[in-house]
Amino acid sequence: MAEEKKGVSRRDFLKTGSIAAGTLVGGGLIGGLVGYNMKRNTKTTSKETKEDVKETPSTRGLMFFQKQHDFNVLAEACERIFPEDDLGPGAIGLEVPYFIDNQLAGSYGSNATNYMLGPFHEGEATQGTQTPMLRSEIFLLGVQQMDKEAKKRFDGDFTKIADKEKDEILTDLQNDDIKMKGVNSSEFFNLLRSVTLEGAYADPIYNGNLNMEGWRMKGFPGHQMSYKEVIEQEDFQEMEPKPINSMY
């Protein structure tokens, strides 16, 4: 695809530090990469056969999701936020969905470090969402809501509908135009976007950032034992990234 047809390329987007923090980009559009994806041409249509649709890898076991379909819906949503392109793999290729699954099965999913007692009143925008729901509950509800919206709007599973149709649903989640019980849909979307980026750039020990490809796309060296050989060099140094477990 020609560069002028892509809008903002992921190569340009990755050059900014804001992506690692999940900064909102594009006003009312989906923050991060999905915003510019909506401008991209796609060959995917809602009438594709099963063989034409990219299948989510299933060679690893799941720790949180009990239904493979729910996990596949999550994976497709992550891929729209962090898509594969000429620069490198997307969320699925980086195994971000497995990172999220593992996180939801642990202390992140159970809000272990959060104060979770009431009262739960609607707060100001600066106070964040006040909800008794755990992150694991929010994610499961959100994934199932995306699939319901796909069936209602496009008569198909979220994993089978066109990319632009997925983007429409994700945009409405971000804008709070989809009602969810117990939590605002924008809260789910913000969590999904944030943890997708975390999975793309976290140390591989946490089961994302497969083969450190996320680091390679940003030129991040990972966990080097020392920079003494290059510290005095004025030119940018390209280094093979190293995971944290390489230090032991």
C-alpha atoms as a PDB file:
ATOM      1  CA  MET A   1       0.000   0.000   0.000  1.00  0.00           C
ATOM      2  CA  ALA A   2       1.402   3.376  -0.942  1.00  0.00           C
ATOM      3  CA  GLU A   3       2.474   5.607   1.904  1.00  0.00           C
ATOM      4  CA  GLU A   4       0.056   8.398   0.920  1.00  0.00           C
ATOM      5  CA  LYS A   5      -2.871   6.028   1.329  1.00  0.00           C
ATOM      6  CA  LYS A   6      -1.960   5.024   4.861  1.00  0.00           C
ATOM      7  CA  GLY A   7      -2.372   8.378   6.571  1.00  0.00           C
ATOM      8  CA  VAL A   8      -0.159   8.309   9.629  1.00  0.00           C
ATOM      9  CA  SER A   9       2.131   5.312   9.350  1.00  0.00           C
ATOM     10  CA  ARG A  10       2.948   3.146  12.313  1.00  0.00           C
ATOM     11  CA  ARG A  11       6.615   3.884  11.664  1.00  0.00           C
ATOM     12  CA  ASP A  12       5.923   7.581  12.362  1.00  0.00           C
ATOM     13  CA  PHE A  13       3.687   6.711  15.277  1.00  0.00           C
ATOM     14  CA  LEU A  14       6.300   4.535  16.922  1.00  0.00           C
ATOM     15  CA  LYS A  15       8.795   7.379  16.815  1.00  0.00           C
ATOM     16  CA  THR A  16       6.781   9.213  19.447  1.00  0.00           C
ATOM     17  CA  GLY A  17       7.050   8.232  23.086  1.00  0.00           C
ATOM     18  CA  SER A  18       3.332   8.707  23.643  1.00  0.00           C
ATOM     19  CA  ILE A  19       2.355   5.334  22.202  1.00  0.00           C
ATOM     20  CA  ALA A  20       4.036   3.424  25.007  1.00  0.00           C
ATOM     21  CA  ALA A  21       1.846   5.237  27.519  1.00  0.00           C
ATOM     22  CA  GLY A  22      -1.314   4.800  25.463  1.00  0.00           C
ATOM     23  CA  THR A  23      -1.852   8.526  24.964  1.00  0.00           C
ATOM     24  CA  LEU A  24      -5.145   9.468  23.329  1.00  0.00           C
ATOM     25  CA  VAL A  25      -4.570  10.491  19.737  1.00  0.00           C
ATOM     26  CA  GLY A  26      -7.112  11.711  17.238  1.00  0.00           C
ATOM     27  CA  GLY A  27      -9.741  13.461  19.363  1.00  0.00           C
ATOM     28  CA  GLY A  28     -12.998  11.553  19.179  1.00  0.00           C
ATOM     29  CA  LEU A  29     -11.551   8.744  17.075  1.00  0.00           C
ATOM     30  CA  ILE A  30     -10.067   5.644  18.587  1.00  0.00           C
ATOM     31  CA  GLY A  31      -6.870   6.540  20.398  1.00  0.00           C
ATOM     32  CA  GLY A  32      -3.573   5.170  19.161  1.00  0.00           C
ATOM     33  CA  LEU A  33      -3.273   3.222  15.962  1.00  0.00           C
ATOM     34  CA  VAL A  34      -6.929   2.398  15.412  1.00  0.00           C
ATOM     35  CA  GLY A  35      -7.659   6.049  14.662  1.00  0.00           C
ATOM     36  CA  TYR A  36      -5.576   6.028  11.503  1.00  0.00           C
ATOM     37  CA  ASN A  37      -6.570   2.466  10.657  1.00  0.00           C
ATOM     38  CA  MET A  38     -10.080   3.700   9.969  1.00  0.00           C
ATOM     39  CA  LYS A  39      -8.652   5.624   6.996  1.00  0.00           C
ATOM     40  CA  ARG A  40      -6.905   2.597   5.541  1.00  0.00           C
ATOM     41  CA  ASN A  41      -8.305   0.581   2.652  1.00  0.00           C
ATOM     42  CA  THR A  42      -8.947  -3.034   3.538  1.00  0.00           C
ATOM     43  CA  LYS A  43      -9.696  -6.089   1.455  1.00  0.00           C
ATOM     44  CA  THR A  44     -11.632  -7.671   4.287  1.00  0.00           C
ATOM     45  CA  THR A  45     -15.403  -7.886   3.915  1.00  0.00           C
ATOM     46  CA  SER A  46     -18.124  -9.175   6.183  1.00  0.00           C
ATOM     47  CA  LYS A  47     -18.878 -11.892   3.597  1.00  0.00           C
ATOM     48  CA  GLU A  48     -15.481 -13.560   3.801  1.00  0.00           C
ATOM     49  CA  THR A  49     -15.294 -17.295   4.143  1.00  0.00           C
ATOM     50  CA  LYS A  50     -13.832 -18.842   7.261  1.00  0.00           C
ATOM     51  CA  GLU A  51     -10.677 -19.775   5.354  1.00  0.00           C
ATOM     52  CA  ASP A  52     -10.072 -16.118   4.413  1.00  0.00           C
ATOM     53  CA  VAL A  53     -10.148 -14.887   7.991  1.00  0.00           C
ATOM     54  CA  LYS A  54      -6.905 -14.757   9.955  1.00  0.00           C
ATOM     55  CA  GLU A  55      -7.014 -17.328  12.713  1.00  0.00           C
ATOM     56  CA  THR A  56      -5.699 -16.513  16.163  1.00  0.00           C
ATOM     57  CA  PRO A  57      -2.811 -18.785  17.226  1.00  0.00           C
ATOM     58  CA  SER A  58      -4.030 -21.419  19.681  1.00  0.00           C
ATOM     59  CA  THR A  59      -0.852 -23.343  20.383  1.00  0.00           C
ATOM     60  CA  ARG A  60      -0.634 -22.020  23.951  1.00  0.00           C
ATOM     61  CA  GLY A  61      -2.907 -22.655  26.888  1.00  0.00           C
ATOM     62  CA  LEU A  62      -5.192 -20.001  28.354  1.00  0.00           C
ATOM     63  CA  MET A  63      -5.090 -19.006  32.006  1.00  0.00           C
ATOM     64  CA  PHE A  64      -8.170 -16.768  32.297  1.00  0.00           C
ATOM     65  CA  PHE A  65     -10.489 -17.173  29.332  1.00  0.00           C
ATOM     66  CA  GLN A  66     -12.542 -20.326  29.438  1.00  0.00           C
ATOM     67  CA  LYS A  67     -13.963 -19.964  25.932  1.00  0.00           C
ATOM     68  CA  GLN A  68     -11.641 -19.855  22.933  1.00  0.00           C
ATOM     69  CA  HIS A  69     -14.120 -17.634  21.082  1.00  0.00           C
ATOM     70  CA  ASP A  70     -13.974 -14.937  23.775  1.00  0.00           C
ATOM     71  CA  PHE A  71     -10.191 -15.017  23.535  1.00  0.00           C
ATOM     72  CA  ASN A  72     -10.352 -14.719  19.730  1.00  0.00           C
ATOM     73  CA  VAL A  73     -12.634 -11.682  20.001  1.00  0.00           C
ATOM     74  CA  LEU A  74     -10.129 -10.074  22.346  1.00  0.00           C
ATOM     75  CA  ALA A  75      -7.305 -10.882  19.920  1.00  0.00           C
ATOM     76  CA  GLU A  76      -9.056  -9.287  16.951  1.00  0.00           C
ATOM     77  CA  ALA A  77      -9.786  -6.127  18.955  1.00  0.00           C
ATOM     78  CA  CYS A  78      -6.136  -5.909  20.023  1.00  0.00           C
ATOM     79  CA  GLU A  79      -5.035  -6.310  16.408  1.00  0.00           C
ATOM     80  CA  ARG A  80      -7.137  -3.319  15.364  1.00  0.00           C
ATOM     81  CA  ILE A  81      -5.453  -1.231  18.080  1.00  0.00           C
ATOM     82  CA  PHE A  82      -1.953  -2.448  17.197  1.00  0.00           C
ATOM     83  CA  PRO A  83      -2.072  -3.814  13.635  1.00  0.00           C
ATOM     84  CA  GLU A  84       0.539  -5.622  11.618  1.00  0.00           C
ATOM     85  CA  ASP A  85       2.110  -3.590   8.831  1.00  0.00           C
ATOM     86  CA  ASP A  86       5.344  -3.230   6.873  1.00  0.00           C
ATOM     87  CA  LEU A  87       7.177  -2.232  10.045  1.00  0.00           C
ATOM     88  CA  GLY A  88       6.524  -5.453  11.911  1.00  0.00           C
ATOM     89  CA  PRO A  89       3.980  -7.734  13.603  1.00  0.00           C
ATOM     90  CA  GLY A  90       0.780  -6.574  15.204  1.00  0.00           C
ATOM     91  CA  ALA A  91      -0.762  -7.521  18.525  1.00  0.00           C
ATOM     92  CA  ILE A  92      -1.521 -11.085  17.474  1.00  0.00           C
ATOM     93  CA  GLY A  93       1.952 -11.630  16.053  1.00  0.00           C
ATOM     94  CA  LEU A  94       3.445 -10.291  19.281  1.00  0.00           C
ATOM     95  CA  GLU A  95       1.129 -12.624  21.263  1.00  0.00           C
ATOM     96  CA  VAL A  96      -0.340  -9.670  23.137  1.00  0.00           C
ATOM     97  CA  PRO A  97      -3.651 -11.533  23.684  1.00  0.00           C
ATOM     98  CA  TYR A  98      -1.779 -14.148  25.735  1.00  0.00           C
ATOM     99  CA  PHE A  99      -0.142 -11.375  27.757  1.00  0.00           C
ATOM    100  CA  ILE A 100      -3.602  -9.979  28.544  1.00  0.00           C
ATOM    101  CA  ASP A 101      -4.998 -13.414  29.362  1.00  0.00           C
ATOM    102  CA  ASN A 102      -2.152 -14.014  31.816  1.00  0.00           C
ATOM    103  CA  GLN A 103      -2.572 -10.580  33.395  1.00  0.00           C
ATOM    104  CA  LEU A 104      -6.306 -11.094  33.903  1.00  0.00           C
ATOM    105  CA  ALA A 105      -5.600 -14.406  35.639  1.00  0.00           C
ATOM    106  CA  GLY A 106      -3.319 -12.677  38.154  1.00  0.00           C
ATOM    107  CA  SER A 107      -3.309  -9.701  40.487  1.00  0.00           C
ATOM    108  CA  TYR A 108      -4.062  -7.250  37.660  1.00  0.00           C
ATOM    109  CA  GLY A 109      -7.357  -8.981  36.922  1.00  0.00           C
ATOM    110  CA  SER A 110      -8.339  -9.192  40.590  1.00  0.00           C
ATOM    111  CA  ASN A 111      -7.449  -5.550  41.378  1.00  0.00           C
ATOM    112  CA  ALA A 112      -5.193  -6.823  44.138  1.00  0.00           C
ATOM    113  CA  THR A 113      -3.549  -3.437  44.758  1.00  0.00           C
ATOM    114  CA  ASN A 114      -6.727  -1.337  44.545  1.00  0.00           C
ATOM    115  CA  TYR A 115      -9.078  -0.176  47.277  1.00  0.00           C
ATOM    116  CA  MET A 116     -12.325  -1.875  46.300  1.00  0.00           C
ATOM    117  CA  LEU A 117     -14.780  -1.016  49.089  1.00  0.00           C
ATOM    118  CA  GLY A 118     -17.726   1.329  48.594  1.00  0.00           C
ATOM    119  CA  PRO A 119     -19.470   3.610  48.357  1.00  0.00           C
ATOM    120  CA  PHE A 120     -19.424   3.690  44.565  1.00  0.00           C
ATOM    121  CA  HIS A 121     -20.733   7.042  43.390  1.00  0.00           C
ATOM    122  CA  GLU A 122     -20.353   8.558  39.969  1.00  0.00           C
ATOM    123  CA  GLY A 123     -17.276  10.739  40.208  1.00  0.00           C
ATOM    124  CA  GLU A 124     -15.839  13.579  38.212  1.00  0.00           C
ATOM    125  CA  ALA A 125     -13.977  12.873  34.994  1.00  0.00           C
ATOM    126  CA  THR A 126     -10.655  13.342  36.778  1.00  0.00           C
ATOM    127  CA  GLN A 127     -11.536  10.713  39.379  1.00  0.00           C
ATOM    128  CA  GLY A 128     -11.882   7.812  37.009  1.00  0.00           C
ATOM    129  CA  THR A 129     -14.586   5.166  36.999  1.00  0.00           C
ATOM    130  CA  GLN A 130     -16.099   4.223  40.341  1.00  0.00           C
ATOM    131  CA  THR A 131     -17.138   0.587  40.010  1.00  0.00           C
ATOM    132  CA  PRO A 132     -17.081  -2.511  42.195  1.00  0.00           C
ATOM    133  CA  MET A 133     -16.233  -4.630  39.146  1.00  0.00           C
ATOM    134  CA  LEU A 134     -12.836  -6.286  38.860  1.00  0.00           C
ATOM    135  CA  ARG A 135     -10.780  -5.787  35.712  1.00  0.00           C
ATOM    136  CA  SER A 136     -11.275  -9.444  34.834  1.00  0.00           C
ATOM    137  CA  GLU A 137     -15.043  -8.926  35.004  1.00  0.00           C
ATOM    138  CA  ILE A 138     -14.848  -5.754  32.922  1.00  0.00           C
ATOM    139  CA  PHE A 139     -12.809  -7.469  30.216  1.00  0.00           C
ATOM    140  CA  LEU A 140     -15.078 -10.479  30.002  1.00  0.00           C
ATOM    141  CA  LEU A 141     -18.149  -8.238  29.832  1.00  0.00           C
ATOM    142  CA  GLY A 142     -16.499  -5.991  27.251  1.00  0.00           C
ATOM    143  CA  VAL A 143     -15.419  -8.863  25.005  1.00  0.00           C
ATOM    144  CA  GLN A 144     -18.900 -10.339  25.046  1.00  0.00           C
ATOM    145  CA  GLN A 145     -20.426  -6.907  24.394  1.00  0.00           C
ATOM    146  CA  MET A 146     -18.265  -6.451  21.292  1.00  0.00           C
ATOM    147  CA  ASP A 147     -19.501  -9.777  19.957  1.00  0.00           C
ATOM    148  CA  LYS A 148     -23.130  -8.837  20.683  1.00  0.00           C
ATOM    149  CA  GLU A 149     -22.705  -5.548  18.834  1.00  0.00           C
ATOM    150  CA  ALA A 150     -21.211  -7.340  15.841  1.00  0.00           C
ATOM    151  CA  LYS A 151     -24.134  -9.762  15.654  1.00  0.00           C
ATOM    152  CA  LYS A 152     -26.692  -6.966  16.109  1.00  0.00           C
ATOM    153  CA  ARG A 153     -25.184  -4.544  13.589  1.00  0.00           C
ATOM    154  CA  PHE A 154     -23.519  -6.781  11.012  1.00  0.00           C
ATOM    155  CA  ASP A 155     -25.063 -10.209  11.570  1.00  0.00           C
ATOM    156  CA  GLY A 156     -21.741 -11.872  12.270  1.00  0.00           C
ATOM    157  CA  ASP A 157     -19.201 -12.700  14.959  1.00  0.00           C
ATOM    158  CA  PHE A 158     -16.721  -9.965  15.837  1.00  0.00           C
ATOM    159  CA  THR A 159     -13.938 -12.212  14.551  1.00  0.00           C
ATOM    160  CA  LYS A 160     -15.556 -12.427  11.099  1.00  0.00           C
ATOM    161  CA  ILE A 161     -16.757  -8.895  10.353  1.00  0.00           C
ATOM    162  CA  ALA A 162     -14.769  -6.390   8.272  1.00  0.00           C
ATOM    163  CA  ASP A 163     -12.014  -4.328   9.863  1.00  0.00           C
ATOM    164  CA  LYS A 164     -13.921  -1.078   9.342  1.00  0.00           C
ATOM    165  CA  GLU A 165     -16.894  -2.645  11.151  1.00  0.00           C
ATOM    166  CA  LYS A 166     -14.665  -3.643  14.068  1.00  0.00           C
ATOM    167  CA  ASP A 167     -13.354  -0.077  14.150  1.00  0.00           C
ATOM    168  CA  GLU A 168     -16.892   1.260  14.293  1.00  0.00           C
ATOM    169  CA  ILE A 169     -17.647  -0.821  17.369  1.00  0.00           C
ATOM    170  CA  LEU A 170     -14.369   0.099  19.057  1.00  0.00           C
ATOM    171  CA  THR A 171     -14.959   3.784  18.341  1.00  0.00           C
ATOM    172  CA  ASP A 172     -18.400   3.624  19.908  1.00  0.00           C
ATOM    173  CA  LEU A 173     -16.914   1.909  22.952  1.00  0.00           C
ATOM    174  CA  GLN A 174     -14.402   4.706  23.339  1.00  0.00           C
ATOM    175  CA  ASN A 175     -17.089   7.370  22.962  1.00  0.00           C
ATOM    176  CA  ASP A 176     -19.406   5.723  25.515  1.00  0.00           C
ATOM    177  CA  ASP A 177     -22.013   5.151  22.823  1.00  0.00           C
ATOM    178  CA  ILE A 178     -22.423   1.508  23.855  1.00  0.00           C
ATOM    179  CA  LYS A 179     -24.065   0.769  27.184  1.00  0.00           C
ATOM    180  CA  MET A 180     -22.479  -1.755  29.516  1.00  0.00           C
ATOM    181  CA  LYS A 181     -23.750  -2.869  32.886  1.00  0.00           C
ATOM    182  CA  GLY A 182     -21.717  -1.719  35.867  1.00  0.00           C
ATOM    183  CA  VAL A 183     -19.067   0.225  33.956  1.00  0.00           C
ATOM    184  CA  ASN A 184     -18.768   2.795  31.182  1.00  0.00           C
ATOM    185  CA  SER A 185     -17.742   1.352  27.838  1.00  0.00           C
ATOM    186  CA  SER A 186     -14.984   3.965  27.578  1.00  0.00           C
ATOM    187  CA  GLU A 187     -13.416   2.541  30.735  1.00  0.00           C
ATOM    188  CA  PHE A 188     -13.244  -0.885  29.124  1.00  0.00           C
ATOM    189  CA  PHE A 189     -11.789   0.572  25.942  1.00  0.00           C
ATOM    190  CA  ASN A 190      -9.160   2.562  27.853  1.00  0.00           C
ATOM    191  CA  LEU A 191      -8.110  -0.569  29.735  1.00  0.00           C
ATOM    192  CA  LEU A 192      -8.002  -2.575  26.503  1.00  0.00           C
ATOM    193  CA  ARG A 193      -5.893  -0.008  24.691  1.00  0.00           C
ATOM    194  CA  SER A 194      -3.510   0.432  27.609  1.00  0.00           C
ATOM    195  CA  VAL A 195      -2.908  -3.265  28.224  1.00  0.00           C
ATOM    196  CA  THR A 196      -2.527  -3.922  24.478  1.00  0.00           C
ATOM    197  CA  LEU A 197       0.366  -1.465  24.321  1.00  0.00           C
ATOM    198  CA  GLU A 198       1.808  -2.880  27.524  1.00  0.00           C
ATOM    199  CA  GLY A 199       1.779  -6.358  26.015  1.00  0.00           C
ATOM    200  CA  ALA A 200       3.504  -5.123  22.874  1.00  0.00           C
ATOM    201  CA  TYR A 201       6.393  -3.560  24.814  1.00  0.00           C
ATOM    202  CA  ALA A 202       6.648  -5.539  28.063  1.00  0.00           C
ATOM    203  CA  ASP A 203       9.548  -7.849  28.727  1.00  0.00           C
ATOM    204  CA  PRO A 204       8.862 -11.212  27.027  1.00  0.00           C
ATOM    205  CA  ILE A 205       8.967 -12.870  30.439  1.00  0.00           C
ATOM    206  CA  TYR A 206       5.358 -11.703  30.798  1.00  0.00           C
ATOM    207  CA  ASN A 207       4.327 -13.651  27.653  1.00  0.00           C
ATOM    208  CA  GLY A 208       3.946 -10.735  25.246  1.00  0.00           C
ATOM    209  CA  ASN A 209       6.384  -8.930  22.928  1.00  0.00           C
ATOM    210  CA  LEU A 210       7.215 -12.221  21.209  1.00  0.00           C
ATOM    211  CA  ASN A 211      10.885 -12.486  20.241  1.00  0.00           C
ATOM    212  CA  MET A 212      11.271  -8.868  21.423  1.00  0.00           C
ATOM    213  CA  GLU A 213       9.882  -7.661  18.090  1.00  0.00           C
ATOM    214  CA  GLY A 214       8.083  -4.796  19.833  1.00  0.00           C
ATOM    215  CA  TRP A 215      11.427  -3.549  21.139  1.00  0.00           C
ATOM    216  CA  ARG A 216      13.072  -3.976  17.752  1.00  0.00           C
ATOM    217  CA  MET A 217      10.460  -1.764  16.126  1.00  0.00           C
ATOM    218  CA  LYS A 218      11.367   1.053  18.503  1.00  0.00           C
ATOM    219  CA  GLY A 219      15.090   0.352  18.606  1.00  0.00           C
ATOM    220  CA  PHE A 220      14.883  -0.347  22.333  1.00  0.00           C
ATOM    221  CA  PRO A 221      17.879  -2.370  23.613  1.00  0.00           C
ATOM    222  CA  GLY A 222      16.076  -4.117  26.453  1.00  0.00           C
ATOM    223  CA  HIS A 223      18.129  -5.114  29.471  1.00  0.00           C
ATOM    224  CA  GLN A 224      21.800  -4.731  28.624  1.00  0.00           C
ATOM    225  CA  MET A 225      24.349  -5.631  31.271  1.00  0.00           C
ATOM    226  CA  SER A 226      26.484  -2.625  30.371  1.00  0.00           C
ATOM    227  CA  TYR A 227      26.924   0.145  27.812  1.00  0.00           C
ATOM    228  CA  LYS A 228      30.597   0.713  28.556  1.00  0.00           C
ATOM    229  CA  GLU A 229      31.657  -0.235  25.038  1.00  0.00           C
ATOM    230  CA  VAL A 230      29.440   2.377  23.372  1.00  0.00           C
ATOM    231  CA  ILE A 231      28.790   5.019  26.026  1.00  0.00           C
ATOM    232  CA  GLU A 232      31.283   7.438  24.468  1.00  0.00           C
ATOM    233  CA  GLN A 233      29.967   6.994  20.928  1.00  0.00           C
ATOM    234  CA  GLU A 234      28.119   9.970  19.449  1.00  0.00           C
ATOM    235  CA  ASP A 235      26.244   7.992  16.789  1.00  0.00           C
ATOM    236  CA  PHE A 236      23.064   6.096  17.539  1.00  0.00           C
ATOM    237  CA  GLN A 237      23.922   2.525  18.456  1.00  0.00           C
ATOM    238  CA  GLU A 238      21.770  -0.299  17.141  1.00  0.00           C
ATOM    239  CA  MET A 239      21.875  -3.160  19.609  1.00  0.00           C
ATOM    240  CA  GLU A 240      20.283  -6.571  19.685  1.00  0.00           C
ATOM    241  CA  PRO A 241      17.733  -6.342  22.519  1.00  0.00           C
ATOM    242  CA  LYS A 242      18.043  -8.626  25.513  1.00  0.00           C
ATOM    243  CA  PRO A 243      15.282  -9.832  27.846  1.00  0.00           C
ATOM    244  CA  ILE A 244      15.600  -9.564  31.593  1.00  0.00           C
ATOM    245  CA  ASN A 245      16.180 -13.300  32.033  1.00  0.00           C
ATOM    246  CA  SER A 246      19.348 -13.022  29.942  1.00  0.00           C
ATOM    247  CA  MET A 247      20.982 -11.356  32.960  1.00  0.00           C
ATOM    248  CA  TYR A 248      20.794 -14.496  35.057  1.00  0.00           C
END
